[in-house]
Amino acid sequence: MAIRSSTNEDNEETSSASLEFVEVTDNNQSIFTVTGDTIEIDLEFDGESYIDFRTERFGDPIEAGGVLSSDESFEFDEDAITINVGNIFGVDITVNGEELEYPVDVHHHYITIERE
């Protein structure tokens, strides 16, 4: 497992990625697929939000969770990552250079990104 954390200014967009919405399950979990060798996640904050990263929805966090309010970037080489977002209204998420659009407006949301 490779995890890289840096400030948003250090990252370049991945041009060969394609983010695609798959489905909503349990009213607060969205599943997306993405192409590419890694999953690069950029977080841009308008406020505060609890964030952690897991390999499965109810698994243990693989990146320490906490309330974040400054822009962050992460890179994972797992086949799937679930982002536990405590306040979707306070954070914009970009995956491999593509902005993720929340398919439902619920405050607390689990977003699973699966590599194809």
PDB file of N, CA and C in Angstrom:
ATOM      1  N   MET A   1       0.844  -1.160   0.000  1.00  0.00           N
ATOM      2  CA  MET A   1       0.000   0.000   0.000  1.00  0.00           C
ATOM      3  C   MET A   1       0.893   1.227   0.000  1.00  0.00           C
ATOM      4  N   ALA A   2       0.679   2.120  -0.941  1.00  0.00           N
ATOM      5  CA  ALA A   2       1.420   3.367  -0.970  1.00  0.00           C
ATOM      6  C   ALA A   2       0.465   4.508  -0.680  1.00  0.00           C
ATOM      7  N   ILE A   3       0.825   5.328   0.268  1.00  0.00           N
ATOM      8  CA  ILE A   3       0.021   6.495   0.600  1.00  0.00           C
ATOM      9  C   ILE A   3       0.949   7.690   0.545  1.00  0.00           C
ATOM     10  N   ARG A   4       0.527   8.704  -0.188  1.00  0.00           N
ATOM     11  CA  ARG A   4       1.311   9.926  -0.270  1.00  0.00           C
ATOM     12  C   ARG A   4       0.389  11.065   0.096  1.00  0.00           C
ATOM     13  N   SER A   5       0.831  11.922   0.956  1.00  0.00           N
ATOM     14  CA  SER A   5       0.060  13.095   1.330  1.00  0.00           C
ATOM     15  C   SER A   5       0.919  14.313   1.062  1.00  0.00           C
ATOM     16  N   SER A   6       0.320  15.323   0.449  1.00  0.00           N
ATOM     17  CA  SER A   6       1.051  16.550   0.174  1.00  0.00           C
ATOM     18  C   SER A   6       0.054  17.688   0.079  1.00  0.00           C
ATOM     19  N   THR A   7       0.558  18.896  -0.061  1.00  0.00           N
ATOM     20  CA  THR A   7      -0.344  20.016  -0.270  1.00  0.00           C
ATOM     21  C   THR A   7      -0.844  19.986  -1.697  1.00  0.00           C
ATOM     22  N   ASN A   8      -1.961  20.613  -1.952  1.00  0.00           N
ATOM     23  CA  ASN A   8      -2.600  20.592  -3.261  1.00  0.00           C
ATOM     24  C   ASN A   8      -1.713  21.196  -4.349  1.00  0.00           C
ATOM     25  N   GLU A   9      -0.859  22.171  -4.005  1.00  0.00           N
ATOM     26  CA  GLU A   9      -0.019  22.815  -5.008  1.00  0.00           C
ATOM     27  C   GLU A   9       1.023  21.870  -5.589  1.00  0.00           C
ATOM     28  N   ASP A  10       1.343  20.777  -4.893  1.00  0.00           N
ATOM     29  CA  ASP A  10       2.384  19.856  -5.340  1.00  0.00           C
ATOM     30  C   ASP A  10       1.918  18.879  -6.409  1.00  0.00           C
ATOM     31  N   ASN A  11       0.623  18.821  -6.691  1.00  0.00           N
ATOM     32  CA  ASN A  11       0.092  17.783  -7.576  1.00  0.00           C
ATOM     33  C   ASN A  11      -0.196  18.294  -8.974  1.00  0.00           C
ATOM     34  N   GLU A  12      -0.082  17.395  -9.941  1.00  0.00           N
ATOM     35  CA  GLU A  12      -0.490  17.659 -11.308  1.00  0.00           C
ATOM     36  C   GLU A  12      -1.643  16.733 -11.628  1.00  0.00           C
ATOM     37  N   GLU A  13      -2.539  17.180 -12.514  1.00  0.00           N
ATOM     38  CA  GLU A  13      -3.683  16.351 -12.875  1.00  0.00           C
ATOM     39  C   GLU A  13      -3.252  15.133 -13.671  1.00  0.00           C
ATOM     40  N   THR A  14      -4.000  14.034 -13.511  1.00  0.00           N
ATOM     41  CA  THR A  14      -3.767  12.824 -14.278  1.00  0.00           C
ATOM     42  C   THR A  14      -4.705  12.865 -15.475  1.00  0.00           C
ATOM     43  N   SER A  15      -4.168  12.947 -16.687  1.00  0.00           N
ATOM     44  CA  SER A  15      -5.000  13.162 -17.864  1.00  0.00           C
ATOM     45  C   SER A  15      -5.629  11.887 -18.409  1.00  0.00           C
ATOM     46  N   SER A  16      -5.113  10.709 -18.073  1.00  0.00           N
ATOM     47  CA  SER A  16      -5.623   9.474 -18.652  1.00  0.00           C
ATOM     48  C   SER A  16      -6.727   8.829 -17.816  1.00  0.00           C
ATOM     49  N   ALA A  17      -7.208   9.504 -16.803  1.00  0.00           N
ATOM     50  CA  ALA A  17      -8.209   8.929 -15.905  1.00  0.00           C
ATOM     51  C   ALA A  17      -9.615   9.171 -16.430  1.00  0.00           C
ATOM     52  N   SER A  18     -10.525   8.291 -16.026  1.00  0.00           N
ATOM     53  CA  SER A  18     -11.930   8.444 -16.369  1.00  0.00           C
ATOM     54  C   SER A  18     -12.758   8.015 -15.165  1.00  0.00           C
ATOM     55  N   LEU A  19     -13.419   8.980 -14.518  1.00  0.00           N
ATOM     56  CA  LEU A  19     -14.238   8.726 -13.343  1.00  0.00           C
ATOM     57  C   LEU A  19     -15.678   8.530 -13.780  1.00  0.00           C
ATOM     58  N   GLU A  20     -16.299   7.438 -13.327  1.00  0.00           N
ATOM     59  CA  GLU A  20     -17.669   7.128 -13.743  1.00  0.00           C
ATOM     60  C   GLU A  20     -18.508   6.701 -12.546  1.00  0.00           C
ATOM     61  N   PHE A  21     -19.693   7.320 -12.392  1.00  0.00           N
ATOM     62  CA  PHE A  21     -20.627   6.961 -11.331  1.00  0.00           C
ATOM     63  C   PHE A  21     -21.252   5.605 -11.647  1.00  0.00           C
ATOM     64  N   VAL A  22     -21.378   4.723 -10.626  1.00  0.00           N
ATOM     65  CA  VAL A  22     -21.960   3.395 -10.800  1.00  0.00           C
ATOM     66  C   VAL A  22     -23.325   3.315 -10.137  1.00  0.00           C
ATOM     67  N   GLU A  23     -23.392   3.547  -8.804  1.00  0.00           N
ATOM     68  CA  GLU A  23     -24.666   3.430  -8.102  1.00  0.00           C
ATOM     69  C   GLU A  23     -24.586   4.033  -6.708  1.00  0.00           C
ATOM     70  N   VAL A  24     -25.779   4.248  -6.106  1.00  0.00           N
ATOM     71  CA  VAL A  24     -25.911   4.633  -4.707  1.00  0.00           C
ATOM     72  C   VAL A  24     -26.485   3.437  -3.975  1.00  0.00           C
ATOM     73  N   THR A  25     -25.885   3.076  -2.837  1.00  0.00           N
ATOM     74  CA  THR A  25     -26.407   1.992  -2.009  1.00  0.00           C
ATOM     75  C   THR A  25     -26.641   2.530  -0.604  1.00  0.00           C
ATOM     76  N   ASP A  26     -27.586   1.972   0.090  1.00  0.00           N
ATOM     77  CA  ASP A  26     -27.879   2.347   1.484  1.00  0.00           C
ATOM     78  C   ASP A  26     -28.101   3.840   1.679  1.00  0.00           C
ATOM     79  N   ASN A  27     -28.484   4.573   0.663  1.00  0.00           N
ATOM     80  CA  ASN A  27     -28.793   5.996   0.701  1.00  0.00           C
ATOM     81  C   ASN A  27     -27.614   6.905   1.044  1.00  0.00           C
ATOM     82  N   ASN A  28     -26.504   6.366   1.560  1.00  0.00           N
ATOM     83  CA  ASN A  28     -25.376   7.248   1.859  1.00  0.00           C
ATOM     84  C   ASN A  28     -24.026   6.665   1.428  1.00  0.00           C
ATOM     85  N   GLN A  29     -24.051   5.728   0.477  1.00  0.00           N
ATOM     86  CA  GLN A  29     -22.804   5.229  -0.101  1.00  0.00           C
ATOM     87  C   GLN A  29     -22.907   5.288  -1.617  1.00  0.00           C
ATOM     88  N   SER A  30     -21.949   5.976  -2.229  1.00  0.00           N
ATOM     89  CA  SER A  30     -21.876   6.068  -3.683  1.00  0.00           C
ATOM     90  C   SER A  30     -20.675   5.277  -4.161  1.00  0.00           C
ATOM     91  N   ILE A  31     -20.845   4.602  -5.288  1.00  0.00           N
ATOM     92  CA  ILE A  31     -19.756   3.820  -5.867  1.00  0.00           C
ATOM     93  C   ILE A  31     -19.409   4.402  -7.232  1.00  0.00           C
ATOM     94  N   PHE A  32     -18.117   4.617  -7.444  1.00  0.00           N
ATOM     95  CA  PHE A  32     -17.589   5.134  -8.700  1.00  0.00           C
ATOM     96  C   PHE A  32     -16.485   4.200  -9.174  1.00  0.00           C
ATOM     97  N   THR A  33     -16.230   4.181 -10.478  1.00  0.00           N
ATOM     98  CA  THR A  33     -15.058   3.494 -11.014  1.00  0.00           C
ATOM     99  C   THR A  33     -14.141   4.535 -11.636  1.00  0.00           C
ATOM    100  N   VAL A  34     -12.849   4.200 -11.687  1.00  0.00           N
ATOM    101  CA  VAL A  34     -11.871   5.092 -12.277  1.00  0.00           C
ATOM    102  C   VAL A  34     -10.806   4.247 -12.963  1.00  0.00           C
ATOM    103  N   THR A  35     -10.275   4.752 -14.063  1.00  0.00           N
ATOM    104  CA  THR A  35      -9.163   4.088 -14.728  1.00  0.00           C
ATOM    105  C   THR A  35      -7.868   4.746 -14.269  1.00  0.00           C
ATOM    106  N   GLY A  36      -6.785   4.033 -14.404  1.00  0.00           N
ATOM    107  CA  GLY A  36      -5.486   4.566 -14.010  1.00  0.00           C
ATOM    108  C   GLY A  36      -4.756   3.581 -13.120  1.00  0.00           C
ATOM    109  N   ASP A  37      -3.462   3.803 -12.967  1.00  0.00           N
ATOM    110  CA  ASP A  37      -2.631   2.910 -12.157  1.00  0.00           C
ATOM    111  C   ASP A  37      -2.796   3.144 -10.663  1.00  0.00           C
ATOM    112  N   THR A  38      -3.179   4.357 -10.291  1.00  0.00           N
ATOM    113  CA  THR A  38      -3.373   4.706  -8.886  1.00  0.00           C
ATOM    114  C   THR A  38      -4.667   5.493  -8.743  1.00  0.00           C
ATOM    115  N   ILE A  39      -5.080   5.695  -7.510  1.00  0.00           N
ATOM    116  CA  ILE A  39      -6.228   6.550  -7.207  1.00  0.00           C
ATOM    117  C   ILE A  39      -5.668   7.793  -6.525  1.00  0.00           C
ATOM    118  N   GLU A  40      -5.739   8.929  -7.227  1.00  0.00           N
ATOM    119  CA  GLU A  40      -5.256  10.192  -6.685  1.00  0.00           C
ATOM    120  C   GLU A  40      -6.460  11.021  -6.270  1.00  0.00           C
ATOM    121  N   ILE A  41      -6.493  11.418  -5.010  1.00  0.00           N
ATOM    122  CA  ILE A  41      -7.641  12.132  -4.465  1.00  0.00           C
ATOM    123  C   ILE A  41      -7.182  13.493  -3.963  1.00  0.00           C
ATOM    124  N   ASP A  42      -7.804  14.553  -4.490  1.00  0.00           N
ATOM    125  CA  ASP A  42      -7.551  15.913  -4.033  1.00  0.00           C
ATOM    126  C   ASP A  42      -8.791  16.401  -3.304  1.00  0.00           C
ATOM    127  N   LEU A  43      -8.592  16.986  -2.136  1.00  0.00           N
ATOM    128  CA  LEU A  43      -9.682  17.523  -1.335  1.00  0.00           C
ATOM    129  C   LEU A  43      -9.534  19.031  -1.259  1.00  0.00           C
ATOM    130  N   GLU A  44     -10.602  19.763  -1.604  1.00  0.00           N
ATOM    131  CA  GLU A  44     -10.610  21.221  -1.526  1.00  0.00           C
ATOM    132  C   GLU A  44     -11.750  21.622  -0.597  1.00  0.00           C
ATOM    133  N   PHE A  45     -11.425  22.362   0.456  1.00  0.00           N
ATOM    134  CA  PHE A  45     -12.390  22.636   1.518  1.00  0.00           C
ATOM    135  C   PHE A  45     -12.990  24.032   1.426  1.00  0.00           C
ATOM    136  N   ASP A  46     -14.315  24.087   1.673  1.00  0.00           N
ATOM    137  CA  ASP A  46     -15.058  25.332   1.847  1.00  0.00           C
ATOM    138  C   ASP A  46     -15.354  25.562   3.321  1.00  0.00           C
ATOM    139  N   GLY A  47     -15.116  24.573   4.122  1.00  0.00           N
ATOM    140  CA  GLY A  47     -15.387  24.593   5.553  1.00  0.00           C
ATOM    141  C   GLY A  47     -14.619  23.452   6.178  1.00  0.00           C
ATOM    142  N   GLU A  48     -15.212  22.829   7.189  1.00  0.00           N
ATOM    143  CA  GLU A  48     -14.577  21.688   7.837  1.00  0.00           C
ATOM    144  C   GLU A  48     -15.353  20.421   7.539  1.00  0.00           C
ATOM    145  N   SER A  49     -14.650  19.300   7.487  1.00  0.00           N
ATOM    146  CA  SER A  49     -15.296  18.011   7.298  1.00  0.00           C
ATOM    147  C   SER A  49     -14.412  16.924   7.888  1.00  0.00           C
ATOM    148  N   TYR A  50     -15.038  15.952   8.539  1.00  0.00           N
ATOM    149  CA  TYR A  50     -14.313  14.765   8.964  1.00  0.00           C
ATOM    150  C   TYR A  50     -14.025  13.938   7.713  1.00  0.00           C
ATOM    151  N   ILE A  51     -12.799  13.443   7.590  1.00  0.00           N
ATOM    152  CA  ILE A  51     -12.393  12.623   6.442  1.00  0.00           C
ATOM    153  C   ILE A  51     -11.536  11.471   6.947  1.00  0.00           C
ATOM    154  N   ASP A  52     -11.802  10.255   6.452  1.00  0.00           N
ATOM    155  CA  ASP A  52     -10.831   9.175   6.573  1.00  0.00           C
ATOM    156  C   ASP A  52     -10.937   8.289   5.343  1.00  0.00           C
ATOM    157  N   PHE A  53      -9.928   7.453   5.139  1.00  0.00           N
ATOM    158  CA  PHE A  53      -9.849   6.573   3.977  1.00  0.00           C
ATOM    159  C   PHE A  53      -9.763   5.135   4.456  1.00  0.00           C
ATOM    160  N   ARG A  54     -10.530   4.234   3.799  1.00  0.00           N
ATOM    161  CA  ARG A  54     -10.582   2.821   4.179  1.00  0.00           C
ATOM    162  C   ARG A  54     -10.530   1.967   2.917  1.00  0.00           C
ATOM    163  N   THR A  55     -10.156   0.693   3.069  1.00  0.00           N
ATOM    164  CA  THR A  55     -10.210  -0.204   1.916  1.00  0.00           C
ATOM    165  C   THR A  55     -11.605  -0.786   1.738  1.00  0.00           C
ATOM    166  N   GLU A  56     -12.443  -0.683   2.768  1.00  0.00           N
ATOM    167  CA  GLU A  56     -13.850  -1.070   2.659  1.00  0.00           C
ATOM    168  C   GLU A  56     -14.648  -0.206   3.621  1.00  0.00           C
ATOM    169  N   ARG A  57     -15.956  -0.110   3.381  1.00  0.00           N
ATOM    170  CA  ARG A  57     -16.796   0.838   4.107  1.00  0.00           C
ATOM    171  C   ARG A  57     -16.662   0.746   5.623  1.00  0.00           C
ATOM    172  N   PHE A  58     -16.733  -0.440   6.184  1.00  0.00           N
ATOM    173  CA  PHE A  58     -16.680  -0.574   7.634  1.00  0.00           C
ATOM    174  C   PHE A  58     -15.330  -1.079   8.135  1.00  0.00           C
ATOM    175  N   GLY A  59     -14.322  -1.028   7.275  1.00  0.00           N
ATOM    176  CA  GLY A  59     -12.981  -1.450   7.667  1.00  0.00           C
ATOM    177  C   GLY A  59     -12.271  -0.377   8.472  1.00  0.00           C
ATOM    178  N   ASP A  60     -11.115  -0.730   8.979  1.00  0.00           N
ATOM    179  CA  ASP A  60     -10.304   0.224   9.729  1.00  0.00           C
ATOM    180  C   ASP A  60      -9.712   1.255   8.776  1.00  0.00           C
ATOM    181  N   PRO A  61      -9.599   2.510   9.222  1.00  0.00           N
ATOM    182  CA  PRO A  61      -8.986   3.539   8.373  1.00  0.00           C
ATOM    183  C   PRO A  61      -7.538   3.183   8.021  1.00  0.00           C
ATOM    184  N   ILE A  62      -7.154   3.434   6.766  1.00  0.00           N
ATOM    185  CA  ILE A  62      -5.763   3.230   6.351  1.00  0.00           C
ATOM    186  C   ILE A  62      -5.012   4.555   6.330  1.00  0.00           C
ATOM    187  N   GLU A  63      -5.739   5.644   6.397  1.00  0.00           N
ATOM    188  CA  GLU A  63      -5.156   6.982   6.518  1.00  0.00           C
ATOM    189  C   GLU A  63      -5.876   7.619   7.695  1.00  0.00           C
ATOM    190  N   ALA A  64      -5.121   8.060   8.685  1.00  0.00           N
ATOM    191  CA  ALA A  64      -5.713   8.575   9.919  1.00  0.00           C
ATOM    192  C   ALA A  64      -6.795   9.603   9.632  1.00  0.00           C
ATOM    193  N   GLY A  65      -7.917   9.456  10.306  1.00  0.00           N
ATOM    194  CA  GLY A  65      -9.039  10.356  10.108  1.00  0.00           C
ATOM    195  C   GLY A  65      -8.960  11.572  11.006  1.00  0.00           C
ATOM    196  N   GLY A  66      -9.743  12.563  10.640  1.00  0.00           N
ATOM    197  CA  GLY A  66      -9.812  13.769  11.442  1.00  0.00           C
ATOM    198  C   GLY A  66     -10.607  14.832  10.734  1.00  0.00           C
ATOM    199  N   VAL A  67     -10.849  15.916  11.445  1.00  0.00           N
ATOM    200  CA  VAL A  67     -11.542  17.058  10.865  1.00  0.00           C
ATOM    201  C   VAL A  67     -10.502  17.877  10.115  1.00  0.00           C
ATOM    202  N   LEU A  68     -10.715  18.019   8.819  1.00  0.00           N
ATOM    203  CA  LEU A  68      -9.784  18.754   7.963  1.00  0.00           C
ATOM    204  C   LEU A  68     -10.444  20.028   7.462  1.00  0.00           C
ATOM    205  N   SER A  69      -9.632  21.046   7.202  1.00  0.00           N
ATOM    206  CA  SER A  69     -10.156  22.285   6.640  1.00  0.00           C
ATOM    207  C   SER A  69      -9.196  22.922   5.645  1.00  0.00           C
ATOM    208  N   SER A  70      -8.023  22.305   5.434  1.00  0.00           N
ATOM    209  CA  SER A  70      -7.092  22.826   4.436  1.00  0.00           C
ATOM    210  C   SER A  70      -6.913  21.788   3.335  1.00  0.00           C
ATOM    211  N   ASP A  71      -6.675  22.264   2.122  1.00  0.00           N
ATOM    212  CA  ASP A  71      -6.592  21.391   0.952  1.00  0.00           C
ATOM    213  C   ASP A  71      -5.509  20.331   1.136  1.00  0.00           C
ATOM    214  N   GLU A  72      -5.829  19.107   0.722  1.00  0.00           N
ATOM    215  CA  GLU A  72      -4.922  17.964   0.862  1.00  0.00           C
ATOM    216  C   GLU A  72      -4.996  17.106  -0.393  1.00  0.00           C
ATOM    217  N   SER A  73      -3.940  16.334  -0.637  1.00  0.00           N
ATOM    218  CA  SER A  73      -3.908  15.378  -1.741  1.00  0.00           C
ATOM    219  C   SER A  73      -3.392  14.044  -1.224  1.00  0.00           C
ATOM    220  N   PHE A  74      -3.950  12.954  -1.767  1.00  0.00           N
ATOM    221  CA  PHE A  74      -3.585  11.606  -1.346  1.00  0.00           C
ATOM    222  C   PHE A  74      -3.475  10.727  -2.583  1.00  0.00           C
ATOM    223  N   GLU A  75      -2.608   9.721  -2.526  1.00  0.00           N
ATOM    224  CA  GLU A  75      -2.466   8.768  -3.625  1.00  0.00           C
ATOM    225  C   GLU A  75      -2.456   7.357  -3.048  1.00  0.00           C
ATOM    226  N   PHE A  76      -3.255   6.467  -3.645  1.00  0.00           N
ATOM    227  CA  PHE A  76      -3.382   5.097  -3.171  1.00  0.00           C
ATOM    228  C   PHE A  76      -3.149   4.139  -4.330  1.00  0.00           C
ATOM    229  N   ASP A  77      -2.530   2.979  -4.052  1.00  0.00           N
ATOM    230  CA  ASP A  77      -2.370   1.971  -5.096  1.00  0.00           C
ATOM    231  C   ASP A  77      -3.288   0.773  -4.876  1.00  0.00           C
ATOM    232  N   GLU A  78      -4.215   0.856  -3.923  1.00  0.00           N
ATOM    233  CA  GLU A  78      -5.209  -0.200  -3.720  1.00  0.00           C
ATOM    234  C   GLU A  78      -6.180  -0.246  -4.895  1.00  0.00           C
ATOM    235  N   ASP A  79      -6.898  -1.366  -5.033  1.00  0.00           N
ATOM    236  CA  ASP A  79      -7.899  -1.500  -6.091  1.00  0.00           C
ATOM    237  C   ASP A  79      -9.178  -0.742  -5.770  1.00  0.00           C
ATOM    238  N   ALA A  80      -9.422  -0.458  -4.489  1.00  0.00           N
ATOM    239  CA  ALA A  80     -10.613   0.294  -4.086  1.00  0.00           C
ATOM    240  C   ALA A  80     -10.314   1.065  -2.809  1.00  0.00           C
ATOM    241  N   ILE A  81     -10.865   2.266  -2.727  1.00  0.00           N
ATOM    242  CA  ILE A  81     -10.741   3.124  -1.551  1.00  0.00           C
ATOM    243  C   ILE A  81     -12.127   3.663  -1.226  1.00  0.00           C
ATOM    244  N   THR A  82     -12.473   3.654   0.055  1.00  0.00           N
ATOM    245  CA  THR A  82     -13.712   4.282   0.502  1.00  0.00           C
ATOM    246  C   THR A  82     -13.348   5.515   1.314  1.00  0.00           C
ATOM    247  N   ILE A  83     -13.920   6.649   0.912  1.00  0.00           N
ATOM    248  CA  ILE A  83     -13.710   7.904   1.623  1.00  0.00           C
ATOM    249  C   ILE A  83     -14.912   8.108   2.539  1.00  0.00           C
ATOM    250  N   ASN A  84     -14.663   8.237   3.821  1.00  0.00           N
ATOM    251  CA  ASN A  84     -15.701   8.526   4.798  1.00  0.00           C
ATOM    252  C   ASN A  84     -15.734  10.043   4.956  1.00  0.00           C
ATOM    253  N   VAL A  85     -16.789  10.682   4.433  1.00  0.00           N
ATOM    254  CA  VAL A  85     -16.894  12.138   4.432  1.00  0.00           C
ATOM    255  C   VAL A  85     -17.980  12.549   5.424  1.00  0.00           C
ATOM    256  N   GLY A  86     -17.600  13.269   6.466  1.00  0.00           N
ATOM    257  CA  GLY A  86     -18.544  13.671   7.497  1.00  0.00           C
ATOM    258  C   GLY A  86     -19.426  14.837   7.109  1.00  0.00           C
ATOM    259  N   ASN A  87     -18.988  15.681   6.178  1.00  0.00           N
ATOM    260  CA  ASN A  87     -19.763  16.850   5.754  1.00  0.00           C
ATOM    261  C   ASN A  87     -19.498  17.105   4.277  1.00  0.00           C
ATOM    262  N   ILE A  88     -20.339  16.550   3.399  1.00  0.00           N
ATOM    263  CA  ILE A  88     -20.100  16.705   1.958  1.00  0.00           C
ATOM    264  C   ILE A  88     -20.237  18.149   1.506  1.00  0.00           C
ATOM    265  N   PHE A  89     -20.932  18.966   2.297  1.00  0.00           N
ATOM    266  CA  PHE A  89     -21.146  20.355   1.910  1.00  0.00           C
ATOM    267  C   PHE A  89     -19.920  21.226   2.180  1.00  0.00           C
ATOM    268  N   GLY A  90     -18.901  20.670   2.845  1.00  0.00           N
ATOM    269  CA  GLY A  90     -17.702  21.432   3.160  1.00  0.00           C
ATOM    270  C   GLY A  90     -16.480  21.042   2.361  1.00  0.00           C
ATOM    271  N   VAL A  91     -16.621  20.071   1.424  1.00  0.00           N
ATOM    272  CA  VAL A  91     -15.436  19.592   0.704  1.00  0.00           C
ATOM    273  C   VAL A  91     -15.781  19.221  -0.740  1.00  0.00           C
ATOM    274  N   ASP A  92     -14.909  19.618  -1.657  1.00  0.00           N
ATOM    275  CA  ASP A  92     -14.989  19.184  -3.056  1.00  0.00           C
ATOM    276  C   ASP A  92     -13.908  18.128  -3.255  1.00  0.00           C
ATOM    277  N   ILE A  93     -14.276  17.049  -3.955  1.00  0.00           N
ATOM    278  CA  ILE A  93     -13.360  15.931  -4.162  1.00  0.00           C
ATOM    279  C   ILE A  93     -13.044  15.798  -5.647  1.00  0.00           C
ATOM    280  N   THR A  94     -11.759  15.677  -5.961  1.00  0.00           N
ATOM    281  CA  THR A  94     -11.304  15.418  -7.323  1.00  0.00           C
ATOM    282  C   THR A  94     -10.572  14.080  -7.309  1.00  0.00           C
ATOM    283  N   VAL A  95     -10.916  13.202  -8.259  1.00  0.00           N
ATOM    284  CA  VAL A  95     -10.306  11.879  -8.351  1.00  0.00           C
ATOM    285  C   VAL A  95      -9.590  11.775  -9.692  1.00  0.00           C
ATOM    286  N   ASN A  96      -8.284  11.548  -9.645  1.00  0.00           N
ATOM    287  CA  ASN A  96      -7.458  11.447 -10.856  1.00  0.00           C
ATOM    288  C   ASN A  96      -7.738  12.592 -11.827  1.00  0.00           C
ATOM    289  N   GLY A  97      -7.876  13.801 -11.272  1.00  0.00           N
ATOM    290  CA  GLY A  97      -8.051  14.996 -12.085  1.00  0.00           C
ATOM    291  C   GLY A  97      -9.474  15.323 -12.469  1.00  0.00           C
ATOM    292  N   GLU A  98     -10.445  14.481 -12.114  1.00  0.00           N
ATOM    293  CA  GLU A  98     -11.844  14.727 -12.462  1.00  0.00           C
ATOM    294  C   GLU A  98     -12.658  15.025 -11.210  1.00  0.00           C
ATOM    295  N   GLU A  99     -13.460  16.098 -11.277  1.00  0.00           N
ATOM    296  CA  GLU A  99     -14.281  16.466 -10.130  1.00  0.00           C
ATOM    297  C   GLU A  99     -15.383  15.442  -9.906  1.00  0.00           C
ATOM    298  N   LEU A 100     -15.519  14.998  -8.672  1.00  0.00           N
ATOM    299  CA  LEU A 100     -16.556  14.050  -8.293  1.00  0.00           C
ATOM    300  C   LEU A 100     -17.814  14.837  -7.937  1.00  0.00           C
ATOM    301  N   GLU A 101     -18.940  14.450  -8.530  1.00  0.00           N
ATOM    302  CA  GLU A 101     -20.221  15.076  -8.206  1.00  0.00           C
ATOM    303  C   GLU A 101     -20.994  14.140  -7.295  1.00  0.00           C
ATOM    304  N   TYR A 102     -21.410  14.664  -6.134  1.00  0.00           N
ATOM    305  CA  TYR A 102     -22.178  13.851  -5.195  1.00  0.00           C
ATOM    306  C   TYR A 102     -23.542  13.529  -5.799  1.00  0.00           C
ATOM    307  N   PRO A 103     -23.909  12.256  -5.900  1.00  0.00           N
ATOM    308  CA  PRO A 103     -25.191  11.893  -6.514  1.00  0.00           C
ATOM    309  C   PRO A 103     -26.392  12.103  -5.594  1.00  0.00           C
ATOM    310  N   VAL A 104     -26.168  12.213  -4.291  1.00  0.00           N
ATOM    311  CA  VAL A 104     -27.246  12.481  -3.330  1.00  0.00           C
ATOM    312  C   VAL A 104     -26.761  13.535  -2.342  1.00  0.00           C
ATOM    313  N   ASP A 105     -27.702  14.318  -1.828  1.00  0.00           N
ATOM    314  CA  ASP A 105     -27.371  15.371  -0.868  1.00  0.00           C
ATOM    315  C   ASP A 105     -27.635  14.905   0.553  1.00  0.00           C
ATOM    316  N   VAL A 106     -26.763  14.078   1.069  1.00  0.00           N
ATOM    317  CA  VAL A 106     -26.829  13.665   2.468  1.00  0.00           C
ATOM    318  C   VAL A 106     -25.560  14.179   3.148  1.00  0.00           C
ATOM    319  N   HIS A 107     -25.692  14.602   4.371  1.00  0.00           N
ATOM    320  CA  HIS A 107     -24.590  15.233   5.098  1.00  0.00           C
ATOM    321  C   HIS A 107     -23.378  14.301   5.223  1.00  0.00           C
ATOM    322  N   HIS A 108     -23.589  13.088   5.711  1.00  0.00           N
ATOM    323  CA  HIS A 108     -22.519  12.105   5.915  1.00  0.00           C
ATOM    324  C   HIS A 108     -22.570  11.095   4.778  1.00  0.00           C
ATOM    325  N   HIS A 109     -21.437  10.848   4.132  1.00  0.00           N
ATOM    326  CA  HIS A 109     -21.450  10.022   2.928  1.00  0.00           C
ATOM    327  C   HIS A 109     -20.195   9.151   2.862  1.00  0.00           C
ATOM    328  N   TYR A 110     -20.362   7.942   2.361  1.00  0.00           N
ATOM    329  CA  TYR A 110     -19.242   7.047   2.049  1.00  0.00           C
ATOM    330  C   TYR A 110     -19.115   7.001   0.529  1.00  0.00           C
ATOM    331  N   ILE A 111     -17.928   7.275   0.026  1.00  0.00           N
ATOM    332  CA  ILE A 111     -17.692   7.280  -1.414  1.00  0.00           C
ATOM    333  C   ILE A 111     -16.640   6.222  -1.714  1.00  0.00           C
ATOM    334  N   THR A 112     -17.032   5.205  -2.476  1.00  0.00           N
ATOM    335  CA  THR A 112     -16.105   4.141  -2.843  1.00  0.00           C
ATOM    336  C   THR A 112     -15.631   4.362  -4.270  1.00  0.00           C
ATOM    337  N   ILE A 113     -14.316   4.370  -4.440  1.00  0.00           N
ATOM    338  CA  ILE A 113     -13.682   4.518  -5.750  1.00  0.00           C
ATOM    339  C   ILE A 113     -13.013   3.184  -6.062  1.00  0.00           C
ATOM    340  N   GLU A 114     -13.428   2.537  -7.159  1.00  0.00           N
ATOM    341  CA  GLU A 114     -12.857   1.250  -7.562  1.00  0.00           C
ATOM    342  C   GLU A 114     -12.060   1.435  -8.844  1.00  0.00           C
ATOM    343  N   ARG A 115     -10.822   0.914  -8.855  1.00  0.00           N
ATOM    344  CA  ARG A 115     -10.008   0.972 -10.074  1.00  0.00           C
ATOM    345  C   ARG A 115     -10.440  -0.122 -11.024  1.00  0.00           C
ATOM    346  N   GLU A 116     -10.543   0.216 -12.299  1.00  0.00           N
ATOM    347  CA  GLU A 116     -10.886  -0.786 -13.323  1.00  0.00           C
ATOM    348  C   GLU A 116      -9.631  -1.393 -13.891  1.00  0.00           C
TER     349      GLU A 116
END
